[in-house]
N, C-alpha and C. Protein backbone atom coordinates (compact mmCIF):
# COMPACT_ATOMS: atom_id res chain seq x y z
N MET A 1 36.93 74.97 77.09
CA MET A 1 36.12 73.94 78.00
C MET A 1 36.28 73.44 79.20
N ARG A 2 35.35 72.47 79.57
CA ARG A 2 35.33 72.68 81.23
C ARG A 2 35.64 71.27 81.23
N LYS A 3 36.00 71.02 82.45
CA LYS A 3 37.13 69.33 82.79
C LYS A 3 36.39 68.54 82.67
N THR A 4 35.14 68.32 83.09
CA THR A 4 34.34 67.27 83.12
C THR A 4 33.84 66.79 81.39
N THR A 5 33.55 67.93 80.66
CA THR A 5 33.26 67.52 79.47
C THR A 5 34.60 66.94 78.56
N LYS A 6 35.32 67.65 78.89
CA LYS A 6 36.78 67.35 78.30
C LYS A 6 37.41 65.64 78.42
N LEU A 7 37.14 65.43 79.64
CA LEU A 7 37.52 64.07 79.91
C LEU A 7 36.70 63.17 79.49
N PHE A 8 35.19 63.27 79.70
CA PHE A 8 34.45 62.59 79.03
C PHE A 8 34.60 62.43 77.48
N LEU A 9 35.16 63.49 76.84
CA LEU A 9 35.36 63.32 75.13
C LEU A 9 36.69 62.43 75.17
N GLY A 10 37.41 62.99 75.90
CA GLY A 10 38.90 61.89 76.03
C GLY A 10 38.56 60.30 76.36
N PHE A 11 37.52 60.12 77.09
CA PHE A 11 36.98 58.80 77.15
C PHE A 11 36.37 58.22 76.31
N THR A 12 35.38 58.99 75.72
CA THR A 12 34.94 58.35 74.33
C THR A 12 35.84 57.91 73.38
N ALA A 13 36.60 59.03 73.11
CA ALA A 13 37.88 58.75 71.86
C ALA A 13 38.66 57.61 72.35
N GLY A 14 39.02 57.63 73.76
CA GLY A 14 39.76 56.39 73.79
C GLY A 14 39.17 55.04 73.46
N LEU A 15 37.68 55.06 73.94
CA LEU A 15 36.85 53.38 73.63
C LEU A 15 37.06 53.37 71.99
N LEU A 16 37.12 54.30 71.26
CA LEU A 16 36.85 54.49 69.83
C LEU A 16 38.34 54.43 69.23
N LEU A 17 39.45 54.31 69.89
CA LEU A 17 40.63 54.27 69.40
C LEU A 17 41.01 52.99 69.04
N LEU A 18 40.20 51.86 69.64
CA LEU A 18 40.28 50.31 69.35
C LEU A 18 40.17 50.08 68.17
N CYS A 19 38.95 50.77 67.27
CA CYS A 19 39.06 50.59 66.09
C CYS A 19 39.35 51.81 64.98
N GLY A 20 40.25 52.39 65.22
CA GLY A 20 40.77 53.86 64.78
C GLY A 20 42.04 53.28 63.96
N CYS A 21 42.44 54.24 63.04
CA CYS A 21 43.53 54.07 62.41
C CYS A 21 44.43 55.54 62.63
N SER A 22 45.73 55.18 62.44
CA SER A 22 47.16 56.16 62.88
C SER A 22 47.42 56.82 61.57
N ALA A 23 47.39 57.88 61.19
CA ALA A 23 48.43 58.64 59.85
C ALA A 23 49.73 58.21 60.23
N ALA A 24 50.30 58.25 58.67
CA ALA A 24 51.52 57.81 58.77
C ALA A 24 52.54 59.10 59.02
N GLU A 25 53.59 59.15 59.85
CA GLU A 25 54.75 60.41 59.92
C GLU A 25 55.18 60.27 58.74
N GLU A 26 55.13 61.46 58.40
CA GLU A 26 56.01 61.94 56.84
C GLU A 26 57.53 62.21 57.32
N LYS A 27 57.84 62.41 56.38
CA LYS A 27 59.49 62.64 56.47
C LYS A 27 59.88 64.25 57.09
N LEU A 28 60.32 64.24 58.24
CA LEU A 28 61.24 65.82 58.59
C LEU A 28 61.25 66.49 57.83
N GLY A 29 60.54 67.85 57.41
CA GLY A 29 61.24 68.79 56.16
C GLY A 29 62.20 69.60 56.84
N TYR A 30 62.43 69.46 58.13
CA TYR A 30 63.98 70.49 58.45
C TYR A 30 65.23 69.82 58.82
N GLU A 31 66.39 70.25 59.00
CA GLU A 31 67.55 69.63 58.85
C GLU A 31 67.97 68.62 60.00
N ASN A 32 67.23 69.20 61.20
CA ASN A 32 67.48 67.87 62.35
C ASN A 32 66.43 68.20 63.02
N ALA A 33 65.97 67.68 64.11
CA ALA A 33 65.22 68.07 65.32
C ALA A 33 65.04 69.41 65.76
N ASP A 34 66.56 69.48 66.08
CA ASP A 34 66.46 71.08 66.68
C ASP A 34 65.87 72.18 66.03
N VAL A 35 65.93 72.49 64.65
CA VAL A 35 65.83 73.26 64.05
C VAL A 35 64.20 73.27 63.60
N ALA A 36 63.71 71.73 63.86
CA ALA A 36 62.29 71.94 63.69
C ALA A 36 61.83 72.56 64.85
N LYS A 37 62.28 72.15 66.13
CA LYS A 37 61.58 72.86 67.35
C LYS A 37 61.39 74.06 67.39
N GLU A 38 62.72 74.98 66.87
CA GLU A 38 62.81 76.27 66.53
C GLU A 38 61.61 76.73 65.83
N ALA A 39 61.46 76.17 64.73
CA ALA A 39 60.27 76.87 63.89
C ALA A 39 59.12 76.49 64.63
N LEU A 40 58.53 75.61 65.30
CA LEU A 40 57.56 75.06 65.45
C LEU A 40 57.36 76.42 66.76
N ALA A 41 58.20 76.82 67.30
CA ALA A 41 57.92 78.06 68.56
C ALA A 41 57.64 79.09 67.76
N SER A 42 58.49 79.56 66.78
CA SER A 42 58.37 80.85 65.79
C SER A 42 57.65 81.01 64.70
N ALA A 43 57.65 79.37 63.66
CA ALA A 43 56.44 80.01 62.79
C ALA A 43 55.30 81.06 62.70
N SER A 44 55.61 81.66 61.68
CA SER A 44 54.48 82.36 61.53
C SER A 44 53.06 81.41 61.49
N PHE A 45 52.97 80.46 61.19
CA PHE A 45 51.73 79.74 61.32
C PHE A 45 52.03 78.08 61.68
N VAL A 46 51.23 77.30 62.38
CA VAL A 46 51.55 75.96 62.67
C VAL A 46 50.58 75.25 62.12
N ARG A 47 50.38 74.24 61.34
CA ARG A 47 49.16 73.53 61.13
C ARG A 47 49.25 71.81 61.26
N MET A 48 48.16 71.22 61.93
CA MET A 48 48.10 69.98 62.19
C MET A 48 47.11 69.34 60.98
N ARG A 49 47.13 68.09 60.55
CA ARG A 49 46.69 67.61 59.31
C ARG A 49 45.50 66.40 60.21
N CYS A 50 44.34 66.55 60.37
CA CYS A 50 43.63 65.34 60.83
C CYS A 50 42.86 64.94 59.92
N ASP A 51 42.54 63.62 60.09
CA ASP A 51 41.30 62.82 59.43
C ASP A 51 40.58 62.44 60.95
N LEU A 52 39.35 63.15 60.99
CA LEU A 52 38.16 62.63 61.84
C LEU A 52 37.78 61.57 62.11
N ASP A 53 37.79 60.62 61.04
CA ASP A 53 37.41 59.59 61.09
C ASP A 53 38.48 58.15 61.54
N ASN A 54 39.90 58.79 61.76
CA ASN A 54 40.34 58.27 62.88
C ASN A 54 40.86 58.95 63.98
N VAL A 55 39.40 57.98 64.99
CA VAL A 55 39.60 58.69 66.17
C VAL A 55 40.53 58.91 67.40
N ASP A 56 41.61 58.20 66.73
CA ASP A 56 43.07 58.23 67.68
C ASP A 56 43.47 59.72 67.74
N ALA A 57 43.14 60.70 67.14
CA ALA A 57 43.88 62.11 67.00
C ALA A 57 44.81 61.50 66.71
N SER A 58 45.34 61.16 65.87
CA SER A 58 46.95 61.74 64.88
C SER A 58 47.40 62.35 63.89
N GLY A 59 48.35 62.79 63.83
CA GLY A 59 48.58 63.79 62.78
C GLY A 59 49.71 64.68 62.52
N ASN A 60 50.05 64.62 61.54
CA ASN A 60 51.13 65.50 61.08
C ASN A 60 50.95 67.13 61.33
N ILE A 61 52.31 67.73 62.06
CA ILE A 61 52.38 68.94 62.12
C ILE A 61 53.61 69.67 61.29
N TYR A 62 53.13 70.85 60.83
CA TYR A 62 53.96 71.44 59.66
C TYR A 62 54.14 72.79 60.48
N ALA A 63 55.48 73.21 60.18
CA ALA A 63 55.85 74.81 60.37
C ALA A 63 56.32 75.41 59.12
N ASP A 64 55.35 76.23 59.09
CA ASP A 64 55.48 77.00 57.96
C ASP A 64 55.39 76.19 56.87
N GLU A 65 54.62 75.05 57.04
CA GLU A 65 54.53 73.86 55.43
C GLU A 65 55.48 73.08 55.44
N LYS A 66 56.47 72.98 56.50
CA LYS A 66 57.33 72.00 56.29
C LYS A 66 57.33 71.39 57.88
N ALA A 67 57.04 69.57 57.19
CA ALA A 67 56.77 68.85 57.95
C ALA A 67 57.89 68.64 59.23
N ALA A 68 57.09 69.26 60.89
CA ALA A 68 58.43 69.20 61.71
C ALA A 68 57.67 68.64 62.94
N ALA A 69 56.54 67.75 63.02
CA ALA A 69 56.35 67.03 64.43
C ALA A 69 55.23 65.96 63.92
N TYR A 70 55.01 65.18 64.65
CA TYR A 70 53.98 64.12 64.55
C TYR A 70 53.32 64.23 66.12
N MET A 71 51.69 63.84 66.12
CA MET A 71 50.96 63.50 67.13
C MET A 71 50.34 62.61 67.09
N LYS A 72 50.62 61.90 68.50
CA LYS A 72 49.85 60.10 68.37
C LYS A 72 49.17 60.38 70.06
N ASN A 73 47.57 60.31 69.83
CA ASN A 73 46.69 60.36 70.88
C ASN A 73 47.26 58.23 71.52
N SER A 74 47.11 58.24 72.79
CA SER A 74 47.20 56.61 73.19
C SER A 74 46.27 56.96 74.62
N GLY A 75 46.26 55.63 75.05
CA GLY A 75 45.19 55.34 76.49
C GLY A 75 44.06 55.27 76.03
N LEU A 76 43.53 54.95 77.45
CA LEU A 76 41.90 54.53 77.25
C LEU A 76 41.21 55.18 78.33
N PHE A 77 41.60 55.12 79.55
CA PHE A 77 40.98 55.96 80.82
C PHE A 77 42.30 56.93 81.21
N ASP A 78 43.48 56.85 80.36
CA ASP A 78 44.47 57.88 81.10
C ASP A 78 45.06 58.34 79.28
N GLN A 79 44.27 59.32 78.93
CA GLN A 79 44.70 59.80 77.68
C GLN A 79 46.16 60.40 77.61
N THR A 80 46.76 59.99 76.89
CA THR A 80 48.29 60.88 76.66
C THR A 80 48.40 61.57 74.92
N TRP A 81 48.95 62.37 74.86
CA TRP A 81 49.02 63.05 73.23
C TRP A 81 50.68 63.18 73.40
N THR A 82 51.17 62.57 72.74
CA THR A 82 52.83 62.57 72.76
C THR A 82 52.67 63.14 71.14
N ILE A 83 53.78 64.16 71.42
CA ILE A 83 54.57 64.69 70.29
C ILE A 83 56.13 64.30 70.04
N SER A 84 56.28 64.03 68.34
CA SER A 84 57.52 62.94 68.39
C SER A 84 58.27 63.93 67.17
N ILE A 85 59.45 63.75 66.93
CA ILE A 85 60.01 64.11 65.98
C ILE A 85 60.97 62.59 65.33
N SER A 86 60.73 62.53 64.14
CA SER A 86 61.48 61.28 63.49
C SER A 86 61.31 60.33 64.58
N GLY A 87 60.31 59.84 64.91
CA GLY A 87 60.15 58.65 65.95
C GLY A 87 60.59 58.84 66.72
N GLU A 88 61.24 60.16 67.35
CA GLU A 88 61.72 60.28 68.59
C GLU A 88 60.70 60.95 69.70
N GLU A 89 60.19 60.69 71.04
CA GLU A 89 59.30 61.36 71.52
C GLU A 89 59.72 62.31 71.73
N TRP A 90 59.22 63.70 71.50
CA TRP A 90 59.57 65.70 72.72
C TRP A 90 59.06 65.64 73.85
N PHE A 91 57.81 65.43 73.75
CA PHE A 91 57.22 65.83 75.17
C PHE A 91 55.76 64.74 75.10
N HIS A 92 54.94 64.83 76.14
CA HIS A 92 53.73 64.01 75.80
C HIS A 92 52.64 65.47 76.80
N MET A 93 51.37 64.97 76.49
CA MET A 93 50.69 66.17 77.33
C MET A 93 49.58 64.80 77.66
N LYS A 94 48.72 65.63 78.71
CA LYS A 94 47.84 64.85 79.88
C LYS A 94 47.45 65.83 80.36
N ILE A 95 45.67 65.85 80.75
CA ILE A 95 44.69 66.09 81.25
C ILE A 95 44.64 65.91 83.09
N VAL A 96 45.53 66.85 83.75
CA VAL A 96 45.47 66.63 85.23
C VAL A 96 44.57 66.83 86.25
N THR A 97 44.43 66.42 87.56
CA THR A 97 43.17 66.89 87.88
C THR A 97 43.45 66.46 89.40
N ASP A 98 44.32 65.97 90.01
CA ASP A 98 45.08 66.18 91.36
C ASP A 98 46.28 66.47 91.60
N GLU A 99 46.47 67.72 90.93
CA GLU A 99 48.06 68.08 91.56
C GLU A 99 47.79 69.83 91.97
N GLU A 100 48.91 70.28 92.65
CA GLU A 100 48.63 71.41 93.29
C GLU A 100 47.72 72.36 92.13
N ILE A 101 47.96 72.34 91.08
CA ILE A 101 47.82 73.78 90.04
C ILE A 101 46.14 73.61 90.24
N ASN A 102 45.47 72.25 90.29
CA ASN A 102 44.30 71.92 90.19
C ASN A 102 43.33 72.68 91.28
N LYS A 103 44.20 73.08 92.81
CA LYS A 103 43.68 73.94 93.64
C LYS A 103 43.22 75.01 93.20
N MET A 104 43.92 75.74 92.12
CA MET A 104 43.28 76.92 91.67
C MET A 104 42.01 77.80 91.89
N THR A 105 41.62 78.44 92.26
CA THR A 105 40.37 79.05 92.88
C THR A 105 39.77 79.27 90.79
N LYS A 106 38.33 78.54 91.09
CA LYS A 106 38.12 78.92 89.47
C LYS A 106 38.49 78.32 88.50
N SER A 107 39.22 77.06 88.57
CA SER A 107 39.83 76.77 87.57
C SER A 107 39.31 75.62 86.92
N ALA A 108 39.38 75.10 85.66
CA ALA A 108 38.51 73.66 84.81
C ALA A 108 39.99 73.21 84.07
N THR A 109 39.80 72.86 83.02
CA THR A 109 40.55 72.08 82.19
C THR A 109 42.29 72.04 82.31
N THR A 110 42.68 71.40 82.62
CA THR A 110 44.69 71.67 82.81
C THR A 110 44.96 70.53 82.02
N TYR A 111 46.01 71.31 81.37
CA TYR A 111 46.92 70.45 80.72
C TYR A 111 48.35 70.24 81.30
N ALA A 112 48.89 69.14 81.44
CA ALA A 112 50.15 69.49 81.93
C ALA A 112 51.26 68.70 81.07
N PHE A 113 52.53 69.21 80.77
CA PHE A 113 53.17 68.74 79.66
C PHE A 113 54.53 68.19 80.18
N TYR A 114 54.98 66.95 79.71
CA TYR A 114 56.32 66.50 80.12
C TYR A 114 56.70 65.72 79.15
N ASP A 115 58.44 65.93 79.44
CA ASP A 115 59.57 65.21 78.86
C ASP A 115 59.62 63.81 78.95
N PRO A 116 59.70 63.00 77.93
CA PRO A 116 60.23 61.45 77.78
C PRO A 116 59.97 60.89 79.08
N ASP A 117 61.08 61.81 79.78
CA ASP A 117 61.50 61.45 81.10
C ASP A 117 60.33 61.56 82.08
N ASN A 118 59.28 61.94 81.97
CA ASN A 118 58.12 62.32 83.14
C ASN A 118 58.39 63.32 83.89
N ASN A 119 59.64 64.37 83.60
CA ASN A 119 59.88 65.57 84.26
C ASN A 119 59.03 66.82 83.59
N LEU A 120 58.36 67.09 84.60
CA LEU A 120 56.91 68.52 84.12
C LEU A 120 58.12 69.13 83.52
N LEU A 121 57.20 69.63 82.39
CA LEU A 121 57.59 71.38 81.41
C LEU A 121 56.33 72.32 81.69
N GLY A 122 55.47 72.11 81.95
CA GLY A 122 54.54 73.24 82.56
C GLY A 122 53.04 72.80 82.06
N TYR A 123 52.57 73.70 82.20
CA TYR A 123 50.63 73.78 82.06
C TYR A 123 50.22 74.57 81.60
N ALA A 124 48.88 73.92 80.68
CA ALA A 124 48.23 75.27 80.20
C ALA A 124 46.59 75.05 80.71
N GLN A 125 46.29 76.00 81.91
CA GLN A 125 44.87 75.89 82.42
C GLN A 125 44.00 76.52 82.12
N GLU A 126 43.07 76.09 82.22
CA GLU A 126 41.62 77.14 81.80
C GLU A 126 40.85 77.44 83.20
N ARG A 127 41.39 78.89 83.23
CA ARG A 127 40.62 78.95 84.69
C ARG A 127 39.61 80.78 85.01
N VAL A 128 38.79 81.23 85.72
CA VAL A 128 38.57 82.73 85.58
C VAL A 128 39.85 83.33 86.20
N THR A 129 40.12 84.38 85.93
CA THR A 129 40.77 85.54 86.14
C THR A 129 40.68 86.98 85.11
N THR A 130 41.31 87.80 85.49
CA THR A 130 41.36 89.17 84.80
C THR A 130 42.64 89.81 84.29
N PRO A 131 43.50 88.90 83.40
CA PRO A 131 44.67 89.31 82.81
C PRO A 131 44.54 91.05 82.30
N ASP A 132 45.09 91.33 82.79
CA ASP A 132 45.74 92.62 82.12
C ASP A 132 44.13 93.45 82.11
N GLN A 133 43.47 93.49 83.40
CA GLN A 133 42.37 94.02 83.48
C GLN A 133 41.37 93.66 82.46
N MET A 134 41.52 92.32 81.50
CA MET A 134 40.48 92.29 81.10
C MET A 134 39.08 91.66 81.79
N PRO A 135 38.05 91.62 81.14
CA PRO A 135 36.60 91.21 81.71
C PRO A 135 36.76 89.93 82.68
N GLU A 136 36.15 89.60 83.87
CA GLU A 136 36.62 88.58 84.37
C GLU A 136 35.50 87.51 83.50
N ALA A 137 36.74 86.72 83.51
CA ALA A 137 36.15 85.21 82.07
C ALA A 137 37.12 84.07 82.37
N TYR A 138 36.96 83.35 81.94
CA TYR A 138 37.63 82.11 81.94
C TYR A 138 38.74 82.18 80.11
N TYR A 139 39.88 82.06 80.82
CA TYR A 139 40.91 82.30 79.93
C TYR A 139 41.99 80.91 80.19
N ILE A 140 42.81 80.84 78.79
CA ILE A 140 43.81 79.75 78.92
C ILE A 140 44.93 80.28 79.43
N ILE A 141 45.73 80.01 80.77
CA ILE A 141 46.68 80.94 80.99
C ILE A 141 47.60 79.61 80.76
N PHE A 142 49.18 80.33 80.70
CA PHE A 142 50.31 78.99 80.53
C PHE A 142 51.11 79.01 81.47
N LEU A 143 51.85 78.37 82.27
CA LEU A 143 52.48 78.44 82.95
C LEU A 143 54.09 77.52 82.65
N ASP A 144 54.84 77.83 83.38
CA ASP A 144 56.18 76.96 83.68
C ASP A 144 55.81 76.04 84.58
N ALA A 145 57.10 75.12 84.85
CA ALA A 145 56.78 74.03 85.79
C ALA A 145 56.67 74.56 87.35
N ASP A 146 57.34 75.43 87.01
CA ASP A 146 57.79 76.18 88.54
C ASP A 146 55.82 77.05 89.35
N LEU A 147 55.20 77.46 88.17
CA LEU A 147 53.94 77.98 88.02
C LEU A 147 53.65 79.25 87.83
N ASN A 148 54.95 79.99 87.16
CA ASN A 148 54.82 80.81 86.82
C ASN A 148 54.27 81.59 85.83
N GLU A 149 53.15 82.26 85.69
CA GLU A 149 52.81 82.74 84.21
C GLU A 149 53.79 83.29 83.16
N LYS A 150 53.46 82.70 81.83
CA LYS A 150 54.15 83.18 80.88
C LYS A 150 53.58 84.23 80.45
N PRO A 151 54.30 84.97 79.74
CA PRO A 151 53.44 86.56 79.05
C PRO A 151 52.80 86.46 77.98
N TYR A 152 52.19 85.60 77.82
CA TYR A 152 51.16 85.57 76.56
C TYR A 152 49.75 84.35 77.51
N TYR A 153 48.94 85.00 76.55
CA TYR A 153 47.19 83.61 77.68
C TYR A 153 46.26 83.57 76.35
N ALA A 154 45.31 82.73 76.20
CA ALA A 154 44.41 82.73 75.12
C ALA A 154 42.77 83.37 75.88
N SER A 155 41.92 83.17 74.66
CA SER A 155 40.83 83.16 75.19
C SER A 155 40.44 81.76 75.80
N GLU A 156 39.09 81.75 76.14
CA GLU A 156 38.63 80.64 77.03
C GLU A 156 38.29 79.53 75.18
N ASP A 157 37.98 80.00 74.39
CA ASP A 157 38.00 79.11 73.53
C ASP A 157 39.14 79.01 72.97
N GLY A 158 39.82 79.59 73.07
CA GLY A 158 41.53 78.99 72.39
C GLY A 158 41.54 79.90 71.28
N HIS A 159 40.79 80.48 70.13
CA HIS A 159 40.83 81.51 69.25
C HIS A 159 41.56 83.29 69.06
N THR A 160 41.60 83.26 70.13
CA THR A 160 42.59 84.60 70.51
C THR A 160 43.58 84.24 71.28
N ILE A 161 44.90 84.58 70.65
CA ILE A 161 45.89 84.71 71.60
C ILE A 161 46.74 86.04 71.78
N TYR A 162 46.69 86.35 73.10
CA TYR A 162 47.19 87.73 73.45
C TYR A 162 48.50 87.66 74.49
N THR A 163 49.11 88.78 74.46
CA THR A 163 50.40 88.96 74.87
C THR A 163 50.27 90.25 76.52
N GLU A 164 51.04 90.45 77.18
CA GLU A 164 50.93 91.18 78.38
C GLU A 164 50.47 92.80 77.71
N GLY A 165 49.25 93.44 78.29
CA GLY A 165 48.78 94.58 77.83
C GLY A 165 47.85 93.87 77.22
N GLY A 166 47.37 92.75 77.26
CA GLY A 166 46.05 92.83 76.21
C GLY A 166 45.94 92.76 74.57
N THR A 167 47.60 92.64 74.01
CA THR A 167 47.64 93.02 72.18
C THR A 167 47.10 91.76 71.85
N VAL A 168 46.36 91.35 70.73
CA VAL A 168 46.43 90.13 70.14
C VAL A 168 47.34 90.04 69.11
N ILE A 169 47.91 88.55 69.48
CA ILE A 169 49.38 88.23 68.82
C ILE A 169 49.06 86.97 68.18
N GLY A 170 48.05 86.94 68.06
CA GLY A 170 47.72 85.22 67.16
C GLY A 170 46.27 84.93 67.45
N SER A 171 46.00 83.47 67.01
CA SER A 171 45.10 83.32 66.76
C SER A 171 45.11 81.55 66.66
N ALA A 172 43.86 80.71 66.80
CA ALA A 172 44.24 79.40 66.47
C ALA A 172 42.81 79.16 66.15
N LYS A 173 42.65 78.31 64.86
CA LYS A 173 41.35 78.08 64.36
C LYS A 173 41.14 76.84 63.66
N LYS A 174 39.99 76.16 63.04
CA LYS A 174 39.84 74.72 62.58
C LYS A 174 39.66 75.43 60.72
N GLU A 175 40.00 74.48 60.27
CA GLU A 175 38.98 74.62 58.86
C GLU A 175 38.82 72.97 58.37
N MET A 176 37.47 72.85 58.38
CA MET A 176 37.22 71.59 57.79
C MET A 176 37.29 71.62 55.88
N ASP A 177 37.46 70.60 55.57
CA ASP A 177 37.57 70.46 53.84
C ASP A 177 36.11 70.32 53.57
N TRP A 178 35.73 70.64 52.30
CA TRP A 178 34.47 71.04 51.97
C TRP A 178 33.88 69.74 51.60
N SER A 179 34.63 68.43 52.11
CA SER A 179 33.62 67.42 51.83
C SER A 179 34.63 65.98 52.73
N GLY A 180 33.92 65.29 53.48
CA GLY A 180 34.98 64.16 54.25
C GLY A 180 34.99 64.77 55.45
N SER A 181 36.10 63.98 55.88
CA SER A 181 36.45 64.06 57.59
C SER A 181 37.75 64.32 57.45
N GLN A 182 37.93 64.94 56.58
CA GLN A 182 39.68 65.96 56.89
C GLN A 182 39.90 67.08 57.18
N CYS A 183 40.57 67.73 58.27
CA CYS A 183 40.54 68.81 58.54
C CYS A 183 41.69 69.63 58.86
N ASN A 184 42.43 70.79 58.67
CA ASN A 184 43.39 71.06 59.04
C ASN A 184 43.11 72.29 60.67
N LEU A 185 44.59 72.21 61.30
CA LEU A 185 44.16 72.88 62.76
C LEU A 185 45.21 73.88 62.54
N TYR A 186 45.14 75.04 63.10
CA TYR A 186 46.04 76.44 62.90
C TYR A 186 46.42 77.03 64.47
N VAL A 187 47.34 77.32 64.34
CA VAL A 187 48.05 78.42 65.30
C VAL A 187 48.92 79.47 64.48
N ASN A 188 48.24 80.74 64.20
CA ASN A 188 48.88 81.61 63.64
C ASN A 188 49.56 82.70 64.72
N LEU A 189 50.62 83.33 63.96
CA LEU A 189 51.15 84.16 64.99
C LEU A 189 51.13 85.61 63.83
N GLU A 190 50.82 86.62 64.60
CA GLU A 190 50.67 87.96 63.82
C GLU A 190 51.76 88.93 63.47
N ASP A 191 52.42 88.72 63.88
CA ASP A 191 53.94 89.54 64.05
C ASP A 191 55.28 89.10 63.12
N ASN A 192 54.95 87.99 62.14
CA ASN A 192 55.98 87.65 61.19
C ASN A 192 56.94 86.64 61.76
N GLY A 193 56.61 86.19 63.00
CA GLY A 193 58.03 85.10 63.46
C GLY A 193 58.79 85.92 64.39
N THR A 194 58.34 87.26 64.88
CA THR A 194 59.18 87.79 66.05
C THR A 194 58.73 87.60 67.18
N GLN A 195 57.21 86.85 67.15
CA GLN A 195 57.22 86.23 68.92
C GLN A 195 57.54 84.96 69.25
N VAL A 196 57.45 84.58 69.68
CA VAL A 196 58.08 83.09 70.06
C VAL A 196 56.82 82.62 71.00
N ILE A 197 56.17 81.42 71.16
CA ILE A 197 55.23 81.02 71.90
C ILE A 197 55.88 79.64 71.82
N ASP A 198 55.93 78.75 73.33
CA ASP A 198 56.37 77.59 73.04
C ASP A 198 55.43 76.66 72.44
N PHE A 199 56.25 75.70 71.81
CA PHE A 199 54.94 74.83 70.90
C PHE A 199 54.43 73.87 72.04
N GLN A 200 54.48 73.60 72.91
CA GLN A 200 53.67 73.01 73.77
C GLN A 200 52.33 73.83 74.09
N ASP A 201 52.82 74.97 74.21
CA ASP A 201 51.37 75.93 74.58
C ASP A 201 50.59 75.81 72.78
N LYS A 202 51.14 76.05 72.04
CA LYS A 202 50.51 76.03 70.85
C LYS A 202 50.11 74.67 70.54
N TYR A 203 50.23 73.72 71.10
CA TYR A 203 49.63 72.43 70.52
C TYR A 203 48.45 72.37 71.59
N ALA A 204 48.64 72.31 72.98
CA ALA A 204 46.92 72.80 73.57
C ALA A 204 46.20 73.69 73.17
N LEU A 205 46.73 74.38 71.99
CA LEU A 205 45.47 75.02 71.61
C LEU A 205 45.00 74.26 70.14
N LEU A 206 46.04 73.47 69.44
CA LEU A 206 45.64 72.90 68.88
C LEU A 206 44.63 71.92 68.78
N ASP A 207 44.86 71.14 70.31
CA ASP A 207 44.07 69.89 70.72
C ASP A 207 42.97 70.37 71.08
N MET A 208 42.69 71.81 71.53
CA MET A 208 41.02 72.54 71.36
C MET A 208 40.30 72.83 70.38
N MET A 209 41.17 73.16 69.32
CA MET A 209 40.88 72.93 68.01
C MET A 209 40.13 71.83 67.45
N TYR A 210 40.83 70.90 67.49
CA TYR A 210 40.73 69.21 67.31
C TYR A 210 39.07 69.03 67.81
N ASP A 211 39.06 69.27 69.13
CA ASP A 211 37.76 68.67 69.76
C ASP A 211 36.34 69.85 69.36
N GLU A 212 37.33 70.89 68.66
CA GLU A 212 35.87 71.64 68.28
C GLU A 212 35.61 71.05 66.62
N ALA A 213 36.82 70.77 65.98
CA ALA A 213 36.34 70.07 64.71
C ALA A 213 35.68 68.63 64.88
N ASN A 214 36.17 68.21 65.64
CA ASN A 214 35.56 66.83 65.47
C ASN A 214 33.86 66.92 66.02
N GLU A 215 33.81 67.83 67.05
CA GLU A 215 32.27 67.96 67.52
C GLU A 215 31.35 68.45 65.99
N TYR A 216 32.12 69.34 65.60
CA TYR A 216 31.14 69.89 63.87
C TYR A 216 31.11 68.80 63.06
N TYR A 217 32.05 67.86 63.19
CA TYR A 217 31.92 67.01 62.33
C TYR A 217 30.88 65.55 62.46
N LYS A 218 30.92 65.51 63.61
CA LYS A 218 29.84 64.29 64.78
C LYS A 218 28.52 64.86 63.77
N ASP A 219 28.36 66.09 64.31
CA ASP A 219 27.02 67.08 64.17
C ASP A 219 26.49 67.37 62.62
N ASN A 220 27.67 67.11 61.73
CA ASN A 220 27.49 67.72 60.67
C ASN A 220 27.47 65.85 59.25
N LYS A 221 28.16 65.13 59.77
CA LYS A 221 28.09 64.01 58.93
C LYS A 221 26.97 63.45 58.71
């Protein structure tokens, strides 16, 4: 999704936030927050449950079907997606437009991740590149706080996750309920949990799936 479109959707969601409701956070299904964080990184699949009529984009997040985290969107002009566990913030995500990473040639939507003290954790950026001799196109590139690329990346639409060498290791998708506004958003790994992907990067893909589901819902309700 291109930056201008994403920011417009974020602004629109922010306006609707004034009349939206939030999903309630479920009780943690893991022993503690640290165990939940490990599960979110290595689980064979992560699922976020959302109600698209609750336009503030809140929802519970499950790792292998156990409640592991909660997402809450806030802000009007400065959208923030906050991931918490048992009521305590773990990290938050924003779209940035004026940082050093935005100077990358042929870059578009750039997500930045921060800890609760606003220390930078890393980025997920849509940009034109040719990873692993793949055809030149937009891909989602994941980077640490020092702008080092991580050993995995995703297709422009977020549906396919690759590791170094161009091997497919996972996927992201939406599933709409047969009726109503409920949907499930997934990030799946294909190697039975031996591949670990930082959850912040998985969340960027979940957010892309949310936008896709929301567009589908608006077009078909």
